[in-house]
N, C-alpha and C. Protein backbone atom coordinates (compact mmCIF):
# COMPACT_ATOMS: atom_id res chain seq x y z
N MET A 1 1.04 -0.68 -0.10
CA MET A 1 0.09 -0.09 0.32
C MET A 1 0.86 1.11 -0.20
N SER A 2 0.70 2.47 -1.23
CA SER A 2 1.57 2.89 -1.21
C SER A 2 0.63 4.59 0.35
N LEU A 3 2.07 5.47 0.23
CA LEU A 3 1.62 5.96 1.15
C LEU A 3 0.28 7.17 0.97
N LYS A 4 0.25 6.94 -0.48
CA LYS A 4 -1.07 8.22 -1.00
C LYS A 4 -2.56 7.15 -1.02
N SER A 5 -2.18 6.33 -0.64
CA SER A 5 -3.60 5.06 -0.68
C SER A 5 -3.92 5.55 0.49
N PHE A 6 -3.29 5.11 1.30
CA PHE A 6 -3.08 5.11 3.18
C PHE A 6 -3.47 6.51 3.33
N HIS A 7 -3.18 7.36 2.83
CA HIS A 7 -3.48 9.29 3.44
C HIS A 7 -4.80 9.34 2.84
N ILE A 8 -5.19 9.06 1.82
CA ILE A 8 -6.96 9.20 1.45
C ILE A 8 -7.75 8.27 2.30
N ILE A 9 -6.97 6.59 2.57
CA ILE A 9 -8.00 6.01 3.26
C ILE A 9 -8.27 6.62 4.87
N PHE A 10 -7.12 7.28 5.35
CA PHE A 10 -6.58 8.37 6.30
C PHE A 10 -7.64 9.58 6.59
N VAL A 11 -8.16 9.69 5.14
CA VAL A 11 -8.57 11.30 5.01
C VAL A 11 -10.67 10.76 5.51
N CYS A 12 -10.49 9.63 5.12
CA CYS A 12 -11.86 8.28 4.67
C CYS A 12 -12.18 8.44 6.43
N VAL A 13 -11.54 8.08 6.76
CA VAL A 13 -11.28 7.16 8.55
C VAL A 13 -11.62 8.97 9.26
N THR A 14 -11.27 9.45 9.15
CA THR A 14 -11.62 11.19 9.98
C THR A 14 -12.79 11.31 9.63
N PHE A 15 -13.27 11.27 8.22
CA PHE A 15 -14.37 11.76 8.24
C PHE A 15 -15.30 10.89 9.12
N LEU A 16 -15.64 9.58 8.93
CA LEU A 16 -16.04 8.49 9.36
C LEU A 16 -16.21 8.86 11.14
N MET A 17 -14.85 9.70 11.45
CA MET A 17 -15.37 9.14 13.18
C MET A 17 -15.75 10.84 13.28
N SER A 18 -16.01 11.79 12.24
CA SER A 18 -15.74 13.28 13.20
C SER A 18 -17.85 13.05 12.76
N LEU A 19 -18.09 11.50 11.54
CA LEU A 19 -19.66 11.88 11.83
C LEU A 19 -19.71 10.85 12.96
N PHE A 20 -19.46 10.11 14.16
CA PHE A 20 -19.35 9.58 14.75
C PHE A 20 -20.06 10.12 15.44
N PHE A 21 -18.85 11.38 16.22
CA PHE A 21 -18.69 12.49 16.72
C PHE A 21 -20.47 13.11 16.58
N VAL A 22 -20.50 13.31 15.77
CA VAL A 22 -21.67 14.42 15.86
C VAL A 22 -23.48 12.95 15.82
N LEU A 23 -23.41 12.42 15.00
CA LEU A 23 -24.37 11.27 15.74
C LEU A 23 -23.80 11.40 17.05
N TRP A 24 -22.91 11.05 18.34
CA TRP A 24 -23.40 10.81 19.49
C TRP A 24 -23.44 12.16 20.58
N SER A 25 -23.38 12.72 20.01
CA SER A 25 -23.09 14.13 20.85
C SER A 25 -24.63 14.81 20.00
N ARG A 26 -25.36 14.11 19.48
CA ARG A 26 -26.59 14.88 19.19
C ARG A 26 -27.78 13.91 19.35
N LEU A 27 -27.34 12.63 19.73
CA LEU A 27 -28.42 11.33 19.81
C LEU A 27 -28.70 10.68 20.40
N LEU A 28 -26.93 10.28 21.01
CA LEU A 28 -26.81 8.85 22.16
C LEU A 28 -26.12 9.66 23.27
N ALA A 29 -25.22 11.13 23.42
CA ALA A 29 -24.94 11.31 24.64
C ALA A 29 -25.90 11.11 25.80
N LYS A 30 -25.67 10.60 27.33
CA LYS A 30 -27.66 10.84 27.43
C LYS A 30 -26.83 12.08 28.68
N ASP A 31 -25.71 12.74 28.89
CA ASP A 31 -25.87 14.45 29.21
C ASP A 31 -25.70 15.37 28.49
N VAL A 32 -26.13 15.92 28.40
CA VAL A 32 -25.61 16.72 27.43
C VAL A 32 -24.94 18.27 28.49
N SER A 33 -23.80 18.45 27.81
CA SER A 33 -23.31 19.12 28.99
C SER A 33 -22.86 19.86 27.55
N THR A 34 -21.52 20.63 28.16
CA THR A 34 -20.15 21.86 27.97
C THR A 34 -19.25 20.41 26.87
N ILE A 35 -18.55 19.76 27.03
CA ILE A 35 -18.11 19.39 26.79
C ILE A 35 -18.05 18.17 25.44
N THR A 36 -19.81 17.72 25.71
CA THR A 36 -21.08 16.79 24.57
C THR A 36 -20.47 17.97 23.43
N THR A 37 -21.55 19.14 23.86
CA THR A 37 -21.81 20.37 22.52
C THR A 37 -20.61 20.96 21.79
N ALA A 38 -18.94 20.62 22.54
CA ALA A 38 -17.62 20.72 22.70
C ALA A 38 -17.75 19.65 21.17
N ILE A 39 -17.86 18.36 21.47
CA ILE A 39 -17.40 17.49 20.60
C ILE A 39 -18.36 17.07 19.26
N GLY A 40 -19.43 17.66 19.56
CA GLY A 40 -20.28 17.82 18.50
C GLY A 40 -19.80 18.95 17.33
N TRP A 41 -19.59 19.79 17.93
CA TRP A 41 -19.03 20.92 17.07
C TRP A 41 -17.66 20.30 16.56
N CYS A 42 -16.64 20.12 17.21
CA CYS A 42 -15.90 19.22 16.12
C CYS A 42 -15.91 18.39 14.83
N GLY A 43 -17.56 17.69 15.81
CA GLY A 43 -17.06 16.87 14.40
C GLY A 43 -17.55 17.42 13.47
N ILE A 44 -18.99 18.88 13.70
CA ILE A 44 -19.10 19.36 12.00
C ILE A 44 -18.26 19.28 11.86
N ILE A 45 -16.89 20.50 12.13
CA ILE A 45 -15.84 20.88 11.93
C ILE A 45 -15.21 20.31 10.72
N GLY A 46 -15.20 18.77 11.65
CA GLY A 46 -14.05 17.47 10.85
C GLY A 46 -14.77 17.40 9.69
N LEU A 47 -16.01 17.24 9.95
CA LEU A 47 -17.32 16.91 8.49
C LEU A 47 -17.46 17.84 7.13
N VAL A 48 -16.73 19.04 7.77
CA VAL A 48 -16.60 20.35 6.90
C VAL A 48 -14.81 20.25 6.25
N ILE A 49 -14.36 20.28 7.32
CA ILE A 49 -12.91 19.92 6.76
C ILE A 49 -12.14 18.54 6.58
N ALA A 50 -12.44 17.81 6.62
CA ALA A 50 -12.11 16.61 5.59
C ALA A 50 -11.78 16.30 4.48
N PRO A 51 -13.76 16.31 4.01
CA PRO A 51 -13.93 16.25 2.22
C PRO A 51 -12.97 17.25 1.42
N LEU A 52 -12.34 18.53 2.09
CA LEU A 52 -12.19 19.28 1.19
C LEU A 52 -10.37 18.65 1.45
N TYR A 53 -9.88 18.50 2.85
CA TYR A 53 -8.42 18.32 2.35
C TYR A 53 -8.42 16.63 1.15
N GLY A 54 -8.94 16.56 1.42
CA GLY A 54 -9.22 14.73 0.33
C GLY A 54 -9.16 15.75 -0.34
N VAL A 55 -9.52 16.27 -1.25
CA VAL A 55 -9.93 16.36 -2.74
C VAL A 55 -8.64 17.30 -2.64
N TYR A 56 -7.91 18.47 -1.65
CA TYR A 56 -7.22 19.04 -1.87
C TYR A 56 -5.70 18.25 -2.42
N PHE A 57 -6.03 17.59 -1.32
CA PHE A 57 -4.57 16.25 -1.89
C PHE A 57 -4.28 15.24 -2.81
N TRP A 58 -5.56 14.84 -3.06
CA TRP A 58 -5.73 14.04 -4.49
C TRP A 58 -5.10 14.70 -5.46
N ARG A 59 -5.93 15.98 -6.02
CA ARG A 59 -5.36 16.72 -6.59
C ARG A 59 -4.24 16.88 -6.98
N LYS A 60 -3.56 17.62 -5.60
CA LYS A 60 -1.80 17.48 -5.57
C LYS A 60 -0.76 16.23 -6.05
N SER A 61 -1.40 15.42 -5.41
CA SER A 61 -0.79 14.36 -5.74
C SER A 61 -0.86 13.52 -7.10
N SER A 62 -1.69 14.20 -7.40
CA SER A 62 -2.07 13.70 -9.10
C SER A 62 -1.37 13.87 -9.74
N LYS A 63 -0.22 15.44 -9.41
CA LYS A 63 0.07 16.17 -10.35
C LYS A 63 1.64 16.69 -10.36
N LEU A 64 1.78 14.84 -9.28
CA LEU A 64 3.24 14.95 -9.07
C LEU A 64 3.48 13.84 -9.94
N ILE A 65 4.92 13.44 -9.86
CA ILE A 65 5.21 12.31 -10.85
C ILE A 65 7.16 12.17 -10.31
N LEU A 66 6.61 10.92 -10.33
CA LEU A 66 7.27 10.11 -8.88
C LEU A 66 8.46 9.04 -9.45
């Protein structure tokens, strides 16, 4: 497995973990506290940033000639 494919897989796992954080903080958390809300917001930020970074990395790495 190349470093490029590992990096893309890592970005996908990051996206899925951010999705889990959002779902957990909104639906599954028994105690709604400040830290639960903060984890939810961090998950939302991850849901936005991970795909943007994934596309950026994919385009940048496809231009590289090794």
